Protein backbone atom coordinates (compact mmCIF):
# COMPACT_ATOMS: atom_id res chain seq x y z
CA MET A 1 -7.29 -8.66 9.25
CA GLN A 2 -10.99 -8.08 9.70
CA SER A 3 -12.66 -5.01 8.25
CA PRO A 4 -13.88 -2.41 10.76
CA CYS A 5 -17.16 -2.13 8.85
CA VAL A 6 -20.19 -1.82 11.13
CA ALA A 7 -22.75 -2.05 8.30
CA ASN A 8 -24.00 1.49 8.95
CA CYS A 9 -22.68 3.17 5.82
CA GLY A 10 -23.22 6.82 5.10
CA LEU A 11 -20.66 9.35 3.98
CA ASN A 12 -20.04 12.85 5.26
CA ASP A 13 -19.04 15.78 3.03
CA GLN A 14 -15.40 14.62 2.99
CA ASP A 15 -16.35 11.07 1.91
CA TYR A 16 -15.68 9.48 5.30
CA CYS A 17 -18.09 6.77 6.42
CA MET A 18 -19.95 7.89 9.51
CA GLY A 19 -20.33 4.23 10.56
CA CYS A 20 -16.75 2.94 10.53
CA GLY A 21 -14.77 6.16 10.07
CA ARG A 22 -12.89 5.10 6.95
CA HIS A 23 -12.59 7.22 3.82
CA ILE A 24 -14.30 5.78 0.75
CA ASP A 25 -10.85 5.15 -0.77
CA GLU A 26 -9.85 3.11 2.28
CA ILE A 27 -13.06 1.11 2.12
CA VAL A 28 -12.69 0.34 -1.57
CA SER A 29 -9.00 -0.57 -1.33
CA TRP A 30 -9.30 -2.57 1.94
CA SER A 31 -8.81 -5.95 0.26
CA GLN A 32 -5.84 -4.63 -1.71
CA VAL A 33 -3.70 -3.16 1.08
CA ASP A 34 -1.35 -5.04 3.41
CA ASP A 35 -1.93 -5.62 7.12
CA SER A 36 0.36 -2.78 8.20
CA ARG A 37 -1.71 -0.29 6.19
CA LYS A 38 -4.94 -1.81 7.54
CA GLN A 39 -3.61 -1.45 11.09
CA ALA A 40 -2.69 2.19 10.45
CA ILE A 41 -6.23 2.84 9.25
CA ILE A 42 -7.73 1.08 12.26
CA ASP A 43 -5.46 3.04 14.60
CA ALA A 44 -6.73 6.32 13.11
CA LEU A 45 -10.42 5.48 13.52
CA PRO A 46 -11.02 6.54 17.16
CA ALA A 47 -9.70 10.06 16.53
CA ARG A 48 -11.68 10.34 13.30
CA LYS A 49 -14.90 9.22 14.94
CA LYS A 50 -14.37 11.77 17.70
CA ALA A 51 -13.77 14.49 15.10
CA PHE A 52 -16.95 13.49 13.25
CA SER A 53 -19.10 13.66 16.37
CA GLY A 54 -22.31 15.50 15.58
CA GLN A 55 -21.87 15.34 11.80
CA GLN A 56 -24.57 13.87 9.62
CA ASN A 57 -24.49 11.45 6.72
CA THR A 58 -24.82 13.66 3.67
CA GLN A 59 -24.58 11.02 0.98
CA THR A 60 -24.91 7.31 0.54
CA GLN A 61 -22.13 4.94 -0.36
CA GLY A 62 -23.81 3.74 -3.52
CA PRO A 63 -22.46 2.13 -6.68
CA ALA A 64 -21.53 5.47 -8.25
CA LYS A 65 -19.37 6.51 -5.26
CA TRP A 66 -17.78 3.06 -5.16
CA HIS A 67 -16.96 3.19 -8.90
CA GLU A 68 -15.60 6.73 -8.61
CA ALA A 69 -13.20 5.61 -5.85
CA LYS A 70 -12.08 2.52 -7.77
CA VAL A 71 -11.24 4.65 -10.80
CA ARG A 72 -9.40 7.20 -8.64
CA LEU A 73 -7.36 4.38 -7.07
CA GLY A 74 -6.62 2.72 -10.41
CA LEU A 75 -8.52 -0.42 -9.40
CA GLU A 76 -10.84 -0.26 -12.39
């Protein structure tokens, strides 16, 4: 299943990407989860994006954030 990434990464205060609507943990674990979980994430995106309307990117999705999520998820 294709990633919903839109290559416009920037995280809000809750670590959700303002481009695709996924949480950093969902982004990092995308290649590890099965298609049913991916579909559940994709299904949640329209409501998330609506809820984020008007919010700003407050942080970048850089290497430190990526590493932090991988450690939290036990992927590193």
